[in-house]
Amino acid sequence: MKKELIDLIFKYGLIQTNFVQEKLVTLASGWKSPIYTDMRKAMAYPDMMEAIKRLFFEVTRPRKFDGIIAVAKGAIPHGTLLASSLELPMGYISVEAKDHGLGKQIEGMDVAGKNIFLIDDLVTTGKSLIKCVKILEGNGACSIFTASIFSYNLDLAKRNFEEAQVKVYPLVTIDDILPELKKRLPSIDYAFLLGWLSDPKEWYDKYYPSVGKVGL
C-alpha cells in the first residue's frame, strides 16, 4: 500500500524540485528549499485520498480511539474522511489562536478525557505538530497517537520530537521516495538535494549561487 501512495505522489506531481536560485521555495521555517511537497493537492484525487485512508487504517490498527483531530488546514480532508469511515467524532486544531470569535484552537469534538488520533499532512521541523500535542494535552486529552502523511525525516525534527517526547508515525518519508528521485534527477541536482536534507538550515548559504539547473 505504501508503494501505491508513493506512485500516486509522483503521478499527480505532489513532489516538485527546482534548483534555480530564483525559484527556490521558502518554507514556513524560513529555509530556502529545492524541494516542495504539496500534500494539499491530495484532496483533488479520490484514489489518493483512499490510499492515504487505508494507510492510516494500517497505522492505527489495533489501537482504539475516541476521536480524530486533524491539524488545520492540510489534514482536515483526511481527518474528515477517516472519521466518517470509522464512525468517530472529529475536530481540527490550529497552531495559532484565532483573533476573532471565541478564539478557540480546537474546533469540533471535545478532547477532554479522550484518546485522540492526531493527524497532520506534512512534517518538516516538527514544531507545529509538537505545539498541537501540547494544546491537546492542555485541553485534557487522555492520550494522543500522532501520524503524518509525509515527513522529510530531518535530523532536526527527530531531535525536536525526542526532546518533546512525541512519537510520530509517517505514512511516507523522504527516504521512501529518494530512490525514485535519484532516477529522475541529474546527478548534480540529486547531490544538492541530499545536501539540503543533511543540513537544510545552512544549505542555501553553502551551495549558492553556484547550483545546478531545473530538476523535476
N, C-alpha and C. Protein backbone atom coordinates (compact mmCIF):
# COMPACT_ATOMS: atom_id res chain seq x y z
N MET A 1 0.82 -1.21 0.00
CA MET A 1 0.00 0.00 0.00
C MET A 1 0.85 1.26 0.00
N LYS A 2 2.00 1.21 0.69
CA LYS A 2 2.88 2.37 0.70
C LYS A 2 3.37 2.68 -0.71
N LYS A 3 3.73 1.65 -1.45
CA LYS A 3 4.20 1.85 -2.83
C LYS A 3 3.12 2.51 -3.68
N GLU A 4 1.87 2.13 -3.46
CA GLU A 4 0.77 2.75 -4.20
C GLU A 4 0.73 4.25 -3.94
N LEU A 5 0.87 4.64 -2.69
CA LEU A 5 0.84 6.06 -2.36
C LEU A 5 2.04 6.79 -2.95
N ILE A 6 3.21 6.17 -2.90
CA ILE A 6 4.40 6.79 -3.49
C ILE A 6 4.20 7.00 -4.99
N ASP A 7 3.66 6.00 -5.66
CA ASP A 7 3.40 6.12 -7.10
C ASP A 7 2.42 7.26 -7.38
N LEU A 8 1.41 7.40 -6.55
CA LEU A 8 0.42 8.46 -6.75
C LEU A 8 1.01 9.84 -6.48
N ILE A 9 1.90 9.92 -5.52
CA ILE A 9 2.58 11.19 -5.22
C ILE A 9 3.31 11.70 -6.46
N PHE A 10 3.99 10.79 -7.16
CA PHE A 10 4.70 11.19 -8.38
C PHE A 10 3.73 11.38 -9.54
N LYS A 11 2.74 10.53 -9.63
CA LYS A 11 1.77 10.63 -10.73
C LYS A 11 1.11 12.00 -10.76
N TYR A 12 0.73 12.50 -9.59
CA TYR A 12 -0.01 13.75 -9.52
C TYR A 12 0.87 14.96 -9.22
N GLY A 13 2.18 14.75 -9.20
CA GLY A 13 3.10 15.88 -9.07
C GLY A 13 3.10 16.56 -7.72
N LEU A 14 2.91 15.81 -6.64
CA LEU A 14 2.92 16.43 -5.32
C LEU A 14 4.33 16.78 -4.86
N ILE A 15 5.31 16.09 -5.44
CA ILE A 15 6.71 16.39 -5.15
C ILE A 15 7.29 17.19 -6.30
N GLN A 16 7.79 18.38 -6.00
CA GLN A 16 8.41 19.22 -7.02
C GLN A 16 9.81 19.61 -6.57
N THR A 17 10.75 19.59 -7.50
CA THR A 17 12.10 20.08 -7.20
C THR A 17 12.48 21.14 -8.22
N ASN A 18 13.27 22.10 -7.76
CA ASN A 18 13.79 23.14 -8.65
C ASN A 18 15.06 23.69 -8.03
N PHE A 19 16.13 23.73 -8.80
CA PHE A 19 17.42 24.13 -8.28
C PHE A 19 17.88 25.49 -8.82
N VAL A 20 16.98 26.20 -9.50
CA VAL A 20 17.28 27.55 -9.96
C VAL A 20 17.12 28.49 -8.76
N GLN A 21 18.11 29.29 -8.51
CA GLN A 21 18.14 30.10 -7.29
C GLN A 21 16.88 30.94 -7.11
N GLU A 22 16.43 31.57 -8.16
CA GLU A 22 15.27 32.46 -8.06
C GLU A 22 13.97 31.70 -7.84
N LYS A 23 13.98 30.38 -8.06
CA LYS A 23 12.74 29.60 -7.95
C LYS A 23 12.72 28.68 -6.74
N LEU A 24 13.68 28.84 -5.86
CA LEU A 24 13.67 28.04 -4.63
C LEU A 24 12.45 28.41 -3.79
N VAL A 25 11.92 27.44 -3.09
CA VAL A 25 10.75 27.65 -2.25
C VAL A 25 11.20 28.08 -0.86
N THR A 26 10.49 29.04 -0.28
CA THR A 26 10.74 29.42 1.11
C THR A 26 9.72 28.69 1.98
N LEU A 27 10.20 27.85 2.87
CA LEU A 27 9.33 27.08 3.75
C LEU A 27 8.88 27.93 4.93
N ALA A 28 7.91 27.41 5.69
CA ALA A 28 7.40 28.13 6.86
C ALA A 28 8.50 28.41 7.86
N SER A 29 9.52 27.57 7.88
CA SER A 29 10.66 27.74 8.78
C SER A 29 11.55 28.91 8.37
N GLY A 30 11.36 29.40 7.14
CA GLY A 30 12.21 30.45 6.60
C GLY A 30 13.35 29.91 5.76
N TRP A 31 13.52 28.60 5.73
CA TRP A 31 14.59 27.98 4.94
C TRP A 31 14.26 28.05 3.45
N LYS A 32 15.29 28.22 2.65
CA LYS A 32 15.18 28.06 1.21
C LYS A 32 15.28 26.56 0.89
N SER A 33 14.42 26.09 0.02
CA SER A 33 14.39 24.65 -0.25
C SER A 33 14.29 24.37 -1.75
N PRO A 34 15.01 23.35 -2.22
CA PRO A 34 14.90 22.94 -3.62
C PRO A 34 13.79 21.91 -3.84
N ILE A 35 13.12 21.53 -2.76
CA ILE A 35 12.06 20.53 -2.87
C ILE A 35 10.81 21.03 -2.14
N TYR A 36 9.67 20.76 -2.74
CA TYR A 36 8.41 21.16 -2.12
C TYR A 36 7.42 20.01 -2.26
N THR A 37 6.80 19.65 -1.16
CA THR A 37 5.83 18.58 -1.15
C THR A 37 4.46 19.17 -0.84
N ASP A 38 3.60 19.21 -1.83
CA ASP A 38 2.29 19.85 -1.68
C ASP A 38 1.23 18.79 -1.41
N MET A 39 1.14 18.35 -0.16
CA MET A 39 0.18 17.31 0.18
C MET A 39 -1.26 17.80 0.11
N ARG A 40 -1.46 19.11 0.07
CA ARG A 40 -2.84 19.62 -0.02
C ARG A 40 -3.48 19.28 -1.35
N LYS A 41 -2.65 19.02 -2.36
CA LYS A 41 -3.20 18.62 -3.66
C LYS A 41 -3.86 17.26 -3.61
N ALA A 42 -3.56 16.49 -2.57
CA ALA A 42 -4.10 15.12 -2.49
C ALA A 42 -5.62 15.11 -2.50
N MET A 43 -6.24 16.15 -1.93
CA MET A 43 -7.69 16.17 -1.85
C MET A 43 -8.35 16.23 -3.23
N ALA A 44 -7.60 16.57 -4.25
CA ALA A 44 -8.15 16.65 -5.60
C ALA A 44 -8.26 15.30 -6.27
N TYR A 45 -7.69 14.25 -5.64
CA TYR A 45 -7.62 12.94 -6.29
C TYR A 45 -8.22 11.85 -5.39
N PRO A 46 -9.41 11.38 -5.72
CA PRO A 46 -10.08 10.38 -4.88
C PRO A 46 -9.25 9.12 -4.64
N ASP A 47 -8.50 8.66 -5.64
CA ASP A 47 -7.72 7.44 -5.43
C ASP A 47 -6.59 7.67 -4.43
N MET A 48 -6.04 8.89 -4.42
CA MET A 48 -5.01 9.20 -3.44
C MET A 48 -5.60 9.33 -2.04
N MET A 49 -6.74 9.97 -1.95
CA MET A 49 -7.42 10.08 -0.65
C MET A 49 -7.70 8.70 -0.08
N GLU A 50 -8.14 7.80 -0.93
CA GLU A 50 -8.45 6.45 -0.48
C GLU A 50 -7.18 5.71 -0.05
N ALA A 51 -6.08 5.89 -0.79
CA ALA A 51 -4.82 5.24 -0.43
C ALA A 51 -4.31 5.73 0.92
N ILE A 52 -4.42 7.03 1.14
CA ILE A 52 -4.00 7.61 2.42
C ILE A 52 -4.86 7.08 3.56
N LYS A 53 -6.16 7.01 3.33
CA LYS A 53 -7.06 6.50 4.36
C LYS A 53 -6.72 5.06 4.74
N ARG A 54 -6.45 4.22 3.74
CA ARG A 54 -6.12 2.83 4.03
C ARG A 54 -4.82 2.70 4.82
N LEU A 55 -3.84 3.56 4.51
CA LEU A 55 -2.59 3.52 5.24
C LEU A 55 -2.77 4.00 6.69
N PHE A 56 -3.63 4.99 6.88
CA PHE A 56 -3.94 5.41 8.24
C PHE A 56 -4.60 4.27 9.02
N PHE A 57 -5.47 3.52 8.35
CA PHE A 57 -6.07 2.34 8.98
C PHE A 57 -5.00 1.39 9.47
N GLU A 58 -4.00 1.13 8.61
CA GLU A 58 -2.94 0.19 8.96
C GLU A 58 -2.10 0.69 10.13
N VAL A 59 -1.82 1.99 10.14
CA VAL A 59 -1.00 2.57 11.21
C VAL A 59 -1.70 2.48 12.55
N THR A 60 -3.00 2.67 12.55
CA THR A 60 -3.74 2.72 13.82
C THR A 60 -4.13 1.35 14.34
N ARG A 61 -4.21 0.37 13.48
CA ARG A 61 -4.63 -0.97 13.90
C ARG A 61 -3.62 -1.58 14.87
N PRO A 62 -4.00 -2.19 16.01
CA PRO A 62 -5.37 -2.41 16.50
C PRO A 62 -5.76 -1.40 17.58
N ARG A 63 -5.19 -0.20 17.55
CA ARG A 63 -5.48 0.80 18.57
C ARG A 63 -6.92 1.29 18.47
N LYS A 64 -7.46 1.73 19.60
CA LYS A 64 -8.82 2.25 19.67
C LYS A 64 -8.77 3.72 20.06
N PHE A 65 -9.56 4.52 19.38
CA PHE A 65 -9.59 5.95 19.65
C PHE A 65 -11.02 6.42 19.89
N ASP A 66 -11.10 7.55 20.62
CA ASP A 66 -12.40 8.17 20.86
C ASP A 66 -12.72 9.22 19.81
N GLY A 67 -11.71 9.65 19.07
CA GLY A 67 -11.95 10.66 18.06
C GLY A 67 -10.67 11.01 17.31
N ILE A 68 -10.84 11.76 16.23
CA ILE A 68 -9.74 12.16 15.36
C ILE A 68 -9.64 13.67 15.32
N ILE A 69 -8.43 14.17 15.50
CA ILE A 69 -8.16 15.60 15.37
C ILE A 69 -7.17 15.80 14.23
N ALA A 70 -7.54 16.67 13.29
CA ALA A 70 -6.68 16.97 12.15
C ALA A 70 -6.05 18.35 12.33
N VAL A 71 -4.79 18.47 11.95
CA VAL A 71 -4.12 19.76 12.01
C VAL A 71 -4.58 20.61 10.83
N ALA A 72 -5.06 21.81 11.12
CA ALA A 72 -5.53 22.72 10.07
C ALA A 72 -4.33 23.24 9.26
N LYS A 73 -4.48 23.39 7.96
CA LYS A 73 -5.69 23.08 7.22
C LYS A 73 -5.52 21.81 6.38
N GLY A 74 -4.26 21.47 6.12
CA GLY A 74 -3.98 20.41 5.16
C GLY A 74 -4.51 19.04 5.52
N ALA A 75 -4.63 18.74 6.81
CA ALA A 75 -5.05 17.40 7.22
C ALA A 75 -6.56 17.28 7.40
N ILE A 76 -7.28 18.39 7.32
CA ILE A 76 -8.72 18.34 7.59
C ILE A 76 -9.49 17.40 6.65
N PRO A 77 -9.24 17.43 5.32
CA PRO A 77 -9.98 16.49 4.46
C PRO A 77 -9.73 15.03 4.83
N HIS A 78 -8.51 14.72 5.20
CA HIS A 78 -8.16 13.34 5.55
C HIS A 78 -8.79 12.94 6.89
N GLY A 79 -8.79 13.87 7.83
CA GLY A 79 -9.43 13.60 9.10
C GLY A 79 -10.92 13.38 8.94
N THR A 80 -11.54 14.16 8.07
CA THR A 80 -12.97 14.03 7.83
C THR A 80 -13.30 12.67 7.21
N LEU A 81 -12.54 12.29 6.21
CA LEU A 81 -12.77 11.01 5.54
C LEU A 81 -12.54 9.84 6.50
N LEU A 82 -11.47 9.91 7.28
CA LEU A 82 -11.14 8.84 8.21
C LEU A 82 -12.18 8.72 9.31
N ALA A 83 -12.58 9.85 9.87
CA ALA A 83 -13.57 9.84 10.95
C ALA A 83 -14.90 9.29 10.46
N SER A 84 -15.30 9.68 9.25
CA SER A 84 -16.55 9.18 8.69
C SER A 84 -16.50 7.66 8.49
N SER A 85 -15.36 7.17 7.99
CA SER A 85 -15.21 5.73 7.75
C SER A 85 -15.22 4.93 9.05
N LEU A 86 -14.63 5.50 10.09
CA LEU A 86 -14.54 4.81 11.38
C LEU A 86 -15.72 5.13 12.30
N GLU A 87 -16.58 6.03 11.83
CA GLU A 87 -17.75 6.47 12.61
C GLU A 87 -17.31 7.03 13.97
N LEU A 88 -16.33 7.93 13.90
CA LEU A 88 -15.79 8.57 15.09
C LEU A 88 -16.02 10.08 15.02
N PRO A 89 -16.14 10.73 16.17
CA PRO A 89 -16.20 12.20 16.15
C PRO A 89 -14.87 12.78 15.70
N MET A 90 -14.92 14.00 15.21
CA MET A 90 -13.73 14.60 14.63
C MET A 90 -13.68 16.08 14.96
N GLY A 91 -12.49 16.62 14.92
CA GLY A 91 -12.30 18.04 15.07
C GLY A 91 -11.02 18.45 14.38
N TYR A 92 -10.71 19.73 14.44
CA TYR A 92 -9.42 20.16 13.91
C TYR A 92 -8.79 21.15 14.87
N ILE A 93 -7.47 21.27 14.74
CA ILE A 93 -6.70 22.09 15.65
C ILE A 93 -5.86 23.10 14.87
N SER A 94 -5.79 24.31 15.38
CA SER A 94 -4.97 25.37 14.78
C SER A 94 -3.80 25.66 15.71
N VAL A 95 -2.63 25.82 15.13
CA VAL A 95 -1.43 26.08 15.92
C VAL A 95 -1.54 27.42 16.63
N GLU A 96 -2.09 28.41 15.93
CA GLU A 96 -2.23 29.74 16.50
C GLU A 96 -3.69 30.00 16.88
N ALA A 97 -3.88 30.67 18.01
CA ALA A 97 -5.24 31.01 18.44
C ALA A 97 -5.84 32.06 17.51
N LYS A 98 -7.13 31.94 17.30
CA LYS A 98 -7.82 32.91 16.45
C LYS A 98 -7.93 34.26 17.16
N ASP A 99 -7.93 35.33 16.38
CA ASP A 99 -8.11 36.65 16.95
C ASP A 99 -9.55 37.13 16.76
N HIS A 100 -10.45 36.19 16.49
CA HIS A 100 -11.86 36.53 16.32
C HIS A 100 -12.72 35.40 16.89
N GLY A 101 -14.02 35.64 16.97
CA GLY A 101 -14.92 34.62 17.51
C GLY A 101 -14.56 34.29 18.95
N LEU A 102 -14.59 33.01 19.28
CA LEU A 102 -14.27 32.56 20.64
C LEU A 102 -12.78 32.34 20.85
N GLY A 103 -12.00 32.48 19.79
CA GLY A 103 -10.55 32.34 19.91
C GLY A 103 -10.09 30.92 20.20
N LYS A 104 -10.91 29.94 19.87
CA LYS A 104 -10.56 28.56 20.17
C LYS A 104 -9.51 28.02 19.19
N GLN A 105 -8.65 27.14 19.70
CA GLN A 105 -7.68 26.47 18.84
C GLN A 105 -8.15 25.08 18.42
N ILE A 106 -9.10 24.53 19.15
CA ILE A 106 -9.68 23.22 18.81
C ILE A 106 -11.14 23.42 18.47
N GLU A 107 -11.52 23.02 17.28
CA GLU A 107 -12.91 23.08 16.84
C GLU A 107 -13.45 21.66 16.65
N GLY A 108 -14.74 21.50 16.89
CA GLY A 108 -15.34 20.18 16.72
C GLY A 108 -15.46 19.45 18.04
N MET A 109 -14.98 18.23 18.10
CA MET A 109 -15.17 17.38 19.27
C MET A 109 -14.45 17.92 20.51
N ASP A 110 -14.98 17.55 21.67
CA ASP A 110 -14.35 17.84 22.95
C ASP A 110 -13.31 16.76 23.21
N VAL A 111 -12.07 17.14 23.45
CA VAL A 111 -11.00 16.15 23.60
C VAL A 111 -10.74 15.76 25.05
N ALA A 112 -11.36 16.43 25.99
CA ALA A 112 -11.10 16.16 27.41
C ALA A 112 -11.42 14.71 27.76
N GLY A 113 -10.43 14.03 28.35
CA GLY A 113 -10.61 12.65 28.77
C GLY A 113 -10.66 11.65 27.63
N LYS A 114 -10.31 12.06 26.42
CA LYS A 114 -10.44 11.20 25.24
C LYS A 114 -9.07 10.72 24.74
N ASN A 115 -9.10 9.55 24.11
CA ASN A 115 -7.94 9.02 23.40
C ASN A 115 -7.99 9.53 21.97
N ILE A 116 -7.03 10.33 21.57
CA ILE A 116 -7.09 11.08 20.32
C ILE A 116 -6.09 10.55 19.30
N PHE A 117 -6.56 10.46 18.06
CA PHE A 117 -5.68 10.20 16.92
C PHE A 117 -5.47 11.53 16.23
N LEU A 118 -4.24 12.06 16.33
CA LEU A 118 -3.88 13.35 15.74
C LEU A 118 -3.17 13.13 14.43
N ILE A 119 -3.67 13.75 13.36
CA ILE A 119 -3.03 13.57 12.06
C ILE A 119 -2.63 14.92 11.45
N ASP A 120 -1.49 14.91 10.76
CA ASP A 120 -1.01 16.07 10.04
C ASP A 120 -0.67 15.64 8.62
N ASP A 121 -0.58 16.59 7.71
CA ASP A 121 -0.29 16.21 6.33
C ASP A 121 1.22 16.17 6.06
N LEU A 122 1.98 17.05 6.72
CA LEU A 122 3.41 17.19 6.39
C LEU A 122 4.22 17.57 7.62
N VAL A 123 5.37 16.92 7.77
CA VAL A 123 6.28 17.25 8.87
C VAL A 123 7.62 17.72 8.30
N THR A 124 8.03 18.91 8.70
CA THR A 124 9.36 19.42 8.33
C THR A 124 10.23 19.49 9.59
N THR A 125 10.02 20.51 10.42
CA THR A 125 10.78 20.60 11.67
C THR A 125 10.08 19.91 12.83
N GLY A 126 8.78 19.71 12.70
CA GLY A 126 8.01 19.06 13.76
C GLY A 126 7.47 20.02 14.80
N LYS A 127 7.87 21.28 14.75
CA LYS A 127 7.49 22.22 15.80
C LYS A 127 5.98 22.46 15.86
N SER A 128 5.34 22.58 14.72
CA SER A 128 3.89 22.81 14.70
C SER A 128 3.14 21.62 15.30
N LEU A 129 3.56 20.43 14.94
CA LEU A 129 2.89 19.23 15.44
C LEU A 129 3.08 19.10 16.95
N ILE A 130 4.27 19.42 17.43
CA ILE A 130 4.52 19.38 18.87
C ILE A 130 3.62 20.38 19.60
N LYS A 131 3.45 21.57 19.02
CA LYS A 131 2.54 22.56 19.61
C LYS A 131 1.13 22.02 19.70
N CYS A 132 0.71 21.31 18.65
CA CYS A 132 -0.64 20.74 18.65
C CYS A 132 -0.81 19.69 19.74
N VAL A 133 0.20 18.87 19.93
CA VAL A 133 0.16 17.87 21.00
C VAL A 133 0.01 18.57 22.35
N LYS A 134 0.78 19.63 22.57
CA LYS A 134 0.73 20.35 23.84
C LYS A 134 -0.64 21.01 24.05
N ILE A 135 -1.23 21.51 22.97
CA ILE A 135 -2.56 22.12 23.06
C ILE A 135 -3.59 21.06 23.45
N LEU A 136 -3.51 19.90 22.84
CA LEU A 136 -4.44 18.81 23.18
C LEU A 136 -4.26 18.38 24.63
N GLU A 137 -3.02 18.26 25.06
CA GLU A 137 -2.76 17.90 26.45
C GLU A 137 -3.32 18.96 27.40
N GLY A 138 -3.16 20.23 27.02
CA GLY A 138 -3.66 21.32 27.84
C GLY A 138 -5.17 21.36 27.91
N ASN A 139 -5.82 20.74 26.92
CA ASN A 139 -7.28 20.67 26.91
C ASN A 139 -7.80 19.34 27.44
N GLY A 140 -6.90 18.58 28.08
CA GLY A 140 -7.34 17.40 28.81
C GLY A 140 -7.38 16.09 28.07
N ALA A 141 -6.77 16.03 26.87
CA ALA A 141 -6.76 14.76 26.15
C ALA A 141 -6.06 13.69 26.99
N CYS A 142 -6.62 12.50 27.01
CA CYS A 142 -6.10 11.41 27.84
C CYS A 142 -4.82 10.83 27.24
N SER A 143 -4.86 10.53 25.95
CA SER A 143 -3.69 10.03 25.22
C SER A 143 -3.76 10.53 23.80
N ILE A 144 -2.58 10.65 23.18
CA ILE A 144 -2.52 11.18 21.81
C ILE A 144 -1.60 10.31 20.98
N PHE A 145 -2.15 9.75 19.92
CA PHE A 145 -1.37 8.98 18.94
C PHE A 145 -1.24 9.84 17.70
N THR A 146 -0.01 10.05 17.24
CA THR A 146 0.26 11.05 16.20
C THR A 146 0.82 10.43 14.93
N ALA A 147 0.27 10.83 13.79
CA ALA A 147 0.74 10.33 12.50
C ALA A 147 0.71 11.46 11.48
N SER A 148 1.52 11.33 10.46
CA SER A 148 1.52 12.30 9.36
C SER A 148 1.49 11.54 8.04
N ILE A 149 1.08 12.23 6.99
CA ILE A 149 1.09 11.61 5.66
C ILE A 149 2.53 11.54 5.15
N PHE A 150 3.24 12.65 5.26
CA PHE A 150 4.61 12.71 4.73
C PHE A 150 5.53 13.39 5.73
N SER A 151 6.78 12.94 5.76
CA SER A 151 7.79 13.58 6.60
C SER A 151 9.11 13.66 5.84
N TYR A 152 9.78 14.80 5.97
CA TYR A 152 11.12 14.93 5.41
C TYR A 152 12.16 14.17 6.24
N ASN A 153 11.75 13.71 7.41
CA ASN A 153 12.61 12.85 8.25
C ASN A 153 13.94 13.54 8.57
N LEU A 154 13.89 14.84 8.82
CA LEU A 154 15.09 15.61 9.10
C LEU A 154 15.60 15.32 10.51
N ASP A 155 16.90 15.40 10.67
CA ASP A 155 17.50 15.19 11.99
C ASP A 155 16.96 16.19 13.01
N LEU A 156 16.74 17.43 12.57
CA LEU A 156 16.21 18.45 13.47
C LEU A 156 14.84 18.03 14.01
N ALA A 157 13.99 17.53 13.13
CA ALA A 157 12.65 17.08 13.56
C ALA A 157 12.77 15.92 14.55
N LYS A 158 13.68 14.99 14.26
CA LYS A 158 13.87 13.86 15.16
C LYS A 158 14.28 14.35 16.55
N ARG A 159 15.18 15.33 16.60
CA ARG A 159 15.62 15.88 17.90
C ARG A 159 14.47 16.59 18.60
N ASN A 160 13.71 17.37 17.83
CA ASN A 160 12.58 18.09 18.42
C ASN A 160 11.56 17.12 19.02
N PHE A 161 11.26 16.06 18.29
CA PHE A 161 10.29 15.08 18.78
C PHE A 161 10.82 14.35 20.02
N GLU A 162 12.11 14.04 19.99
CA GLU A 162 12.70 13.33 21.12
C GLU A 162 12.67 14.21 22.38
N GLU A 163 13.02 15.48 22.23
CA GLU A 163 13.01 16.39 23.37
C GLU A 163 11.61 16.59 23.91
N ALA A 164 10.62 16.62 23.02
CA ALA A 164 9.23 16.83 23.44
C ALA A 164 8.55 15.53 23.84
N GLN A 165 9.25 14.41 23.66
CA GLN A 165 8.70 13.08 23.95
C GLN A 165 7.42 12.83 23.15
N VAL A 166 7.51 13.15 21.87
CA VAL A 166 6.40 12.93 20.94
C VAL A 166 6.84 11.92 19.89
N LYS A 167 6.05 10.90 19.70
CA LYS A 167 6.32 9.88 18.68
C LYS A 167 5.37 10.10 17.51
N VAL A 168 5.93 10.18 16.31
CA VAL A 168 5.12 10.42 15.11
C VAL A 168 5.32 9.27 14.13
N TYR A 169 4.23 8.81 13.55
CA TYR A 169 4.27 7.71 12.59
C TYR A 169 3.92 8.24 11.19
N PRO A 170 4.92 8.52 10.35
CA PRO A 170 4.63 8.99 8.99
C PRO A 170 4.25 7.83 8.07
N LEU A 171 3.31 8.08 7.17
CA LEU A 171 2.94 7.06 6.19
C LEU A 171 4.05 6.88 5.16
N VAL A 172 4.65 8.01 4.76
CA VAL A 172 5.73 8.02 3.77
C VAL A 172 6.76 9.04 4.21
N THR A 173 8.04 8.72 4.04
CA THR A 173 9.10 9.67 4.35
C THR A 173 9.91 9.96 3.09
N ILE A 174 10.76 10.96 3.18
CA ILE A 174 11.63 11.31 2.06
C ILE A 174 12.52 10.12 1.68
N ASP A 175 12.87 9.30 2.67
CA ASP A 175 13.71 8.14 2.38
C ASP A 175 13.02 7.14 1.46
N ASP A 176 11.69 7.11 1.54
CA ASP A 176 10.92 6.21 0.68
C ASP A 176 10.91 6.66 -0.77
N ILE A 177 11.03 7.96 -0.99
CA ILE A 177 10.94 8.47 -2.36
C ILE A 177 12.29 8.83 -2.98
N LEU A 178 13.35 8.81 -2.17
CA LEU A 178 14.67 9.14 -2.71
C LEU A 178 15.10 8.23 -3.87
N PRO A 179 14.83 6.92 -3.82
CA PRO A 179 15.23 6.09 -4.97
C PRO A 179 14.62 6.56 -6.29
N GLU A 180 13.36 6.97 -6.26
CA GLU A 180 12.73 7.45 -7.49
C GLU A 180 13.29 8.81 -7.89
N LEU A 181 13.54 9.67 -6.92
CA LEU A 181 14.13 10.97 -7.23
C LEU A 181 15.52 10.81 -7.83
N LYS A 182 16.26 9.83 -7.35
CA LYS A 182 17.61 9.59 -7.88
C LYS A 182 17.54 9.21 -9.35
N LYS A 183 16.50 8.47 -9.75
CA LYS A 183 16.33 8.09 -11.15
C LYS A 183 15.97 9.30 -12.02
N ARG A 184 15.20 10.22 -11.45
CA ARG A 184 14.64 11.31 -12.24
C ARG A 184 15.53 12.54 -12.32
N LEU A 185 16.37 12.74 -11.31
CA LEU A 185 17.17 13.96 -11.26
C LEU A 185 18.56 13.76 -11.85
N PRO A 186 19.13 14.81 -12.46
CA PRO A 186 20.55 14.77 -12.82
C PRO A 186 21.37 14.56 -11.55
N SER A 187 22.50 13.92 -11.67
CA SER A 187 23.30 13.56 -10.50
C SER A 187 23.68 14.78 -9.66
N ILE A 188 23.98 15.91 -10.31
CA ILE A 188 24.36 17.10 -9.55
C ILE A 188 23.18 17.63 -8.74
N ASP A 189 21.98 17.58 -9.31
CA ASP A 189 20.80 18.04 -8.59
C ASP A 189 20.48 17.11 -7.42
N TYR A 190 20.65 15.82 -7.65
CA TYR A 190 20.40 14.86 -6.57
C TYR A 190 21.39 15.10 -5.43
N ALA A 191 22.63 15.40 -5.74
CA ALA A 191 23.62 15.68 -4.71
C ALA A 191 23.25 16.94 -3.93
N PHE A 192 22.75 17.97 -4.64
CA PHE A 192 22.30 19.18 -3.96
C PHE A 192 21.13 18.89 -3.03
N LEU A 193 20.23 18.03 -3.48
CA LEU A 193 19.08 17.65 -2.66
C LEU A 193 19.53 16.94 -1.38
N LEU A 194 20.46 16.02 -1.52
CA LEU A 194 20.99 15.33 -0.33
C LEU A 194 21.66 16.32 0.62
N GLY A 195 22.31 17.32 0.04
CA GLY A 195 22.92 18.35 0.87
C GLY A 195 21.89 19.11 1.68
N TRP A 196 20.75 19.41 1.04
CA TRP A 196 19.66 20.10 1.76
C TRP A 196 19.11 19.22 2.88
N LEU A 197 18.91 17.96 2.60
CA LEU A 197 18.35 17.05 3.60
C LEU A 197 19.27 16.89 4.81
N SER A 198 20.58 16.97 4.58
CA SER A 198 21.52 16.80 5.67
C SER A 198 21.65 18.06 6.52
N ASP A 199 21.42 19.24 5.91
CA ASP A 199 21.55 20.49 6.66
C ASP A 199 20.72 21.59 6.01
N PRO A 200 19.40 21.51 6.14
CA PRO A 200 18.53 22.47 5.44
C PRO A 200 18.70 23.91 5.90
N LYS A 201 19.10 24.10 7.14
CA LYS A 201 19.24 25.45 7.67
C LYS A 201 20.39 26.21 7.02
N GLU A 202 21.51 25.54 6.81
CA GLU A 202 22.70 26.19 6.27
C GLU A 202 22.90 25.94 4.78
N TRP A 203 22.02 25.14 4.19
CA TRP A 203 22.20 24.69 2.80
C TRP A 203 22.31 25.85 1.82
N TYR A 204 21.44 26.82 1.91
CA TYR A 204 21.42 27.92 0.93
C TYR A 204 22.73 28.68 0.92
N ASP A 205 23.21 29.06 2.09
CA ASP A 205 24.47 29.82 2.17
C ASP A 205 25.66 29.00 1.68
N LYS A 206 25.57 27.68 1.86
CA LYS A 206 26.68 26.81 1.48
C LYS A 206 26.74 26.56 -0.02
N TYR A 207 25.59 26.40 -0.66
CA TYR A 207 25.56 25.94 -2.05
C TYR A 207 25.31 27.04 -3.09
N TYR A 208 24.86 28.22 -2.68
CA TYR A 208 24.53 29.23 -3.66
C TYR A 208 25.59 30.32 -3.68
N PRO A 209 25.72 31.02 -4.85
CA PRO A 209 24.89 30.98 -6.04
C PRO A 209 25.26 29.92 -7.08
N SER A 210 26.24 29.07 -6.80
CA SER A 210 26.66 28.07 -7.80
C SER A 210 25.85 26.81 -7.62
N VAL A 211 24.80 26.64 -8.49
CA VAL A 211 23.92 25.48 -8.38
C VAL A 211 23.62 24.94 -9.75
N GLY A 212 22.93 23.80 -9.74
CA GLY A 212 22.51 23.19 -10.99
C GLY A 212 21.28 23.87 -11.56
N LYS A 213 20.72 23.29 -12.58
CA LYS A 213 19.55 23.86 -13.23
C LYS A 213 18.29 23.16 -12.75
N VAL A 214 17.23 23.30 -13.54
CA VAL A 214 15.92 22.82 -13.13
C VAL A 214 15.95 21.31 -12.90
N GLY A 215 15.21 20.90 -11.84
CA GLY A 215 15.07 19.47 -11.56
C GLY A 215 13.84 18.91 -12.22
N LEU A 216 12.94 18.33 -11.39
CA LEU A 216 11.72 17.71 -11.96
C LEU A 216 10.85 18.73 -12.65
